[in-house]
């Protein structure tokens, strides 16, 4: 994979850490810049801790994860976990960051999800991509920047209709960096509701690697918007 500036937008802290984290770790090792963005903290995801306590824990875990893989982390907006519904607001809050960081590749949730926060985050990322490069739009938010490529990552909650179109190889060094970093997040260790996130995404990398003829890989899908082909 060519090193570049990659920005990944998730609905909650942890979403892109799991689904795109290995690719972001690989990009850093290859000499690129990787940026994680969450639109909510995911503070309602713990059955025993209060929301403010878990919010603080989640932010600290996200910052430590980013350091572990050599990436950057940003929490954008003040929307509560489970209440991400306003695509336009979220998109406009993303635009200054997109124009500042100027990514070449934007990674988003696949839009068909069982979680409405993921669906909104996906549409917000796509809308923000448009607004970031739109001539004359909000020049006070920074110099406009068109993002060359958009890809959707593979998340177990966003499986409906997801068909991968490309795969990024994950080296042993990138896998180990991701594995060590993600182990610092309580929910990923299964300490909230018991789902074995680390096992799931590790197995998924092996599966996608088998299908791509690689030891490990992260699969992604291109924009599903149909394009017309010119007849010869």
Protein backbone atom coordinates (compact mmCIF):
# COMPACT_ATOMS: atom_id res chain seq x y z
CA UNK A 1 0.00 0.00 0.00
CA UNK A 2 1.27 3.43 -0.93
CA UNK A 3 1.99 5.67 2.07
CA UNK A 4 -0.31 8.67 2.20
CA UNK A 5 -2.38 10.82 4.54
CA UNK A 6 -5.40 8.80 5.64
CA UNK A 7 -8.27 10.02 7.82
CA UNK A 8 -10.84 7.56 9.21
CA UNK A 9 -14.20 8.76 10.57
CA UNK A 10 -16.11 6.58 13.04
CA UNK A 11 -19.38 6.98 14.88
CA UNK A 12 -17.78 6.22 18.24
CA UNK A 13 -14.36 5.97 19.78
CA UNK A 14 -13.17 2.47 18.99
CA UNK A 15 -15.02 1.89 15.72
CA UNK A 16 -12.17 2.81 13.41
CA UNK A 17 -9.57 1.63 15.92
CA UNK A 18 -10.88 -1.88 15.30
CA UNK A 19 -11.92 -1.83 11.66
CA UNK A 20 -9.31 0.50 10.17
CA UNK A 21 -6.65 0.45 12.89
CA UNK A 22 -4.43 -2.20 11.31
CA UNK A 23 -4.43 -0.32 7.99
CA UNK A 24 -3.67 2.96 9.77
CA UNK A 25 -0.81 1.28 11.63
CA UNK A 26 0.54 -0.08 8.34
CA UNK A 27 0.31 3.35 6.74
CA UNK A 28 2.40 4.88 9.53
CA UNK A 29 5.02 2.15 9.21
CA UNK A 30 5.14 2.83 5.48
CA UNK A 31 5.83 6.52 6.12
CA UNK A 32 2.32 7.94 5.90
CA UNK A 33 0.16 10.00 8.25
CA UNK A 34 -2.87 8.36 9.90
CA UNK A 35 -5.68 10.21 11.67
CA UNK A 36 -8.55 8.72 13.71
CA UNK A 37 -11.75 10.73 14.13
CA UNK A 38 -14.75 9.87 16.32
CA UNK A 39 -18.07 11.74 16.21
CA UNK A 40 -19.16 10.53 19.66
CA UNK A 41 -17.21 9.17 22.61
CA UNK A 42 -19.28 6.00 22.91
CA UNK A 43 -19.86 6.83 26.57
CA UNK A 44 -23.08 4.80 26.89
CA UNK A 45 -21.34 1.54 26.08
CA UNK A 46 -20.51 0.34 29.59
CA UNK A 47 -23.05 -1.55 31.75
CA UNK A 48 -21.52 -0.52 35.07
CA UNK A 49 -19.71 2.81 34.70
CA UNK A 50 -21.50 6.15 34.55
CA UNK A 51 -21.47 8.08 31.30
CA UNK A 52 -19.05 10.81 32.38
CA UNK A 53 -16.62 8.33 33.90
CA UNK A 54 -16.69 6.09 30.85
CA UNK A 55 -16.43 9.07 28.48
CA UNK A 56 -13.20 10.13 30.18
CA UNK A 57 -11.93 6.55 30.04
CA UNK A 58 -12.81 6.20 26.35
CA UNK A 59 -11.01 9.42 25.42
CA UNK A 60 -7.91 8.36 27.34
CA UNK A 61 -8.01 4.94 25.66
CA UNK A 62 -8.37 6.53 22.22
CA UNK A 63 -5.42 8.81 22.78
CA UNK A 64 -3.28 5.93 23.99
CA UNK A 65 -4.34 3.75 21.05
CA UNK A 66 -3.38 6.47 18.59
CA UNK A 67 0.01 6.86 20.23
CA UNK A 68 0.48 3.09 20.10
CA UNK A 69 0.15 2.95 16.32
CA UNK A 70 1.74 6.34 15.63
CA UNK A 71 -1.52 8.01 14.61
CA UNK A 72 -3.45 11.12 15.69
CA UNK A 73 -6.86 11.24 17.37
CA UNK A 74 -9.67 13.81 17.26
CA UNK A 75 -13.11 13.78 18.90
CA UNK A 76 -15.31 16.06 16.80
CA UNK A 77 -18.50 17.62 18.15
CA UNK A 78 -20.40 17.26 21.41
CA UNK A 79 -23.14 14.82 20.38
CA UNK A 80 -23.96 12.08 22.88
CA UNK A 81 -23.54 8.40 22.10
CA UNK A 82 -26.70 7.08 20.43
CA UNK A 83 -27.92 10.54 19.42
CA UNK A 84 -25.93 11.11 16.21
CA UNK A 85 -28.72 11.97 13.77
CA UNK A 86 -27.88 15.33 12.16
CA UNK A 87 -25.78 14.55 9.08
CA UNK A 88 -25.40 18.19 8.04
CA UNK A 89 -24.22 19.35 11.46
CA UNK A 90 -21.69 16.54 11.75
CA UNK A 91 -20.44 17.14 8.21
CA UNK A 92 -19.91 20.85 8.81
CA UNK A 93 -18.02 20.08 12.02
CA UNK A 94 -15.73 17.76 10.06
CA UNK A 95 -14.91 20.23 7.29
CA UNK A 96 -12.31 22.32 9.19
CA UNK A 97 -10.43 19.17 10.16
CA UNK A 98 -10.48 17.81 6.61
CA UNK A 99 -9.20 21.11 5.27
CA UNK A 100 -6.50 21.28 7.92
CA UNK A 101 -5.22 17.70 7.60
CA UNK A 102 -5.88 17.43 3.83
CA UNK A 103 -6.15 13.65 3.57
CA UNK A 104 -5.71 11.82 0.30
CA UNK A 105 -7.87 8.91 1.46
CA UNK A 106 -11.02 9.15 3.58
CA UNK A 107 -12.25 6.00 5.32
CA UNK A 108 -15.85 5.79 6.53
CA UNK A 109 -18.41 3.31 7.84
CA UNK A 110 -20.30 1.27 5.27
CA UNK A 111 -23.67 3.11 5.32
CA UNK A 112 -25.96 0.11 5.88
CA UNK A 113 -25.64 -0.57 9.57
CA UNK A 114 -27.62 -1.94 12.49
CA UNK A 115 -26.34 1.09 14.44
CA UNK A 116 -27.83 4.46 13.50
CA UNK A 117 -24.74 6.32 14.74
CA UNK A 118 -22.67 4.42 12.18
CA UNK A 119 -25.11 5.23 9.37
CA UNK A 120 -25.11 8.92 10.25
CA UNK A 121 -21.32 8.97 10.56
CA UNK A 122 -21.01 7.42 7.11
CA UNK A 123 -23.28 9.97 5.47
CA UNK A 124 -21.61 12.79 7.39
CA UNK A 125 -18.16 11.74 6.18
CA UNK A 126 -19.38 11.59 2.59
CA UNK A 127 -21.10 14.97 2.88
CA UNK A 128 -18.03 16.51 4.54
CA UNK A 129 -15.87 15.23 1.69
CA UNK A 130 -18.08 17.13 -0.75
CA UNK A 131 -18.18 20.31 1.33
CA UNK A 132 -14.43 20.27 1.97
CA UNK A 133 -13.71 20.57 -1.72
CA UNK A 134 -16.69 22.69 -2.72
CA UNK A 135 -15.59 25.99 -4.33
CA UNK A 136 -16.76 28.99 -2.34
CA UNK A 137 -18.09 26.99 0.61
CA UNK A 138 -17.26 28.50 4.01
CA UNK A 139 -13.78 29.89 3.27
CA UNK A 140 -13.52 30.79 6.96
CA UNK A 141 -13.24 27.04 7.64
CA UNK A 142 -9.96 26.83 5.75
CA UNK A 143 -8.66 26.48 2.23
CA UNK A 144 -10.80 24.04 0.31
CA UNK A 145 -9.47 20.53 -0.17
CA UNK A 146 -10.76 17.80 -2.45
CA UNK A 147 -10.23 14.28 -1.13
CA UNK A 148 -9.18 11.99 -3.94
CA UNK A 149 -10.48 8.69 -2.60
CA UNK A 150 -13.23 7.38 -0.32
CA UNK A 151 -13.31 3.80 0.95
CA UNK A 152 -15.65 2.03 3.37
CA UNK A 153 -14.25 -0.23 6.06
CA UNK A 154 -15.56 -3.59 7.25
CA UNK A 155 -17.34 -3.50 10.61
CA UNK A 156 -19.38 -6.37 12.04
CA UNK A 157 -22.29 -3.99 12.70
CA UNK A 158 -22.22 -2.67 9.12
CA UNK A 159 -22.37 -5.97 7.26
CA UNK A 160 -25.55 -5.60 5.18
CA UNK A 161 -24.58 -5.42 1.52
CA UNK A 162 -20.87 -4.96 2.23
CA UNK A 163 -18.85 -6.41 -0.64
CA UNK A 164 -15.12 -5.70 -0.52
CA UNK A 165 -13.47 -4.36 -3.65
CA UNK A 166 -9.87 -4.12 -2.44
CA UNK A 167 -7.59 -5.37 0.31
CA UNK A 168 -4.64 -3.80 2.11
CA UNK A 169 -1.88 -6.12 3.28
CA UNK A 170 -1.11 -5.94 6.99
CA UNK A 171 2.46 -6.81 7.90
CA UNK A 172 3.46 -8.63 11.07
CA UNK A 173 4.86 -5.40 12.53
CA UNK A 174 1.63 -3.50 11.83
CA UNK A 175 -0.47 -6.33 13.25
CA UNK A 176 1.59 -6.46 16.44
CA UNK A 177 1.40 -2.68 16.87
CA UNK A 178 -2.37 -2.75 16.42
CA UNK A 179 -2.83 -5.78 18.66
CA UNK A 180 -0.88 -4.20 21.51
CA UNK A 181 -2.67 -0.87 21.14
CA UNK A 182 -6.22 -2.22 20.86
CA UNK A 183 -5.66 -4.38 23.94
CA UNK A 184 -5.66 -1.15 25.93
CA UNK A 185 -9.38 -0.59 25.25
CA UNK A 186 -11.72 -2.21 27.77
CA UNK A 187 -14.61 -2.80 25.37
CA UNK A 188 -12.30 -4.42 22.82
CA UNK A 189 -11.12 -6.84 25.50
CA UNK A 190 -14.75 -7.88 26.03
CA UNK A 191 -15.11 -6.22 29.43
CA UNK A 192 -18.37 -4.39 28.67
CA UNK A 193 -20.84 -6.75 27.00
CA UNK A 194 -18.59 -9.72 26.33
CA UNK A 195 -18.21 -9.51 22.55
CA UNK A 196 -14.74 -10.73 21.54
CA UNK A 197 -13.81 -7.78 19.34
CA UNK A 198 -10.08 -8.45 19.17
CA UNK A 199 -10.62 -12.09 18.24
CA UNK A 200 -13.22 -11.12 15.65
CA UNK A 201 -11.10 -8.55 13.84
CA UNK A 202 -7.98 -10.69 14.07
CA UNK A 203 -9.89 -13.57 12.46
CA UNK A 204 -11.32 -11.20 9.86
CA UNK A 205 -7.81 -10.11 8.87
CA UNK A 206 -6.82 -13.75 8.47
CA UNK A 207 -9.94 -14.48 6.40
CA UNK A 208 -9.42 -11.52 4.09
CA UNK A 209 -5.74 -12.37 3.82
CA UNK A 210 -6.60 -15.91 2.70
CA UNK A 211 -8.91 -14.56 0.00
CA UNK A 212 -6.31 -12.03 -1.17
CA UNK A 213 -3.37 -14.45 -1.07
CA UNK A 214 -1.75 -12.57 1.82
CA UNK A 215 -0.90 -13.47 5.42
CA UNK A 216 -3.29 -10.80 6.74
CA UNK A 217 -5.36 -8.09 5.10
CA UNK A 218 -8.00 -5.46 5.78
CA UNK A 219 -10.79 -5.41 3.20
CA UNK A 220 -12.45 -2.21 2.01
CA UNK A 221 -15.24 -1.30 -0.37
CA UNK A 222 -15.29 1.49 -2.92
CA UNK A 223 -18.19 3.90 -3.36
CA UNK A 224 -21.12 1.75 -4.55
CA UNK A 225 -22.55 4.55 -6.73
CA UNK A 226 -23.00 2.97 -10.17
CA UNK A 227 -21.04 4.48 -13.03
CA UNK A 228 -21.98 4.27 -16.70
CA UNK A 229 -19.46 2.74 -19.06
CA UNK A 230 -19.00 4.16 -22.53
CA UNK A 231 -19.75 1.67 -25.27
CA UNK A 232 -16.82 1.01 -27.60
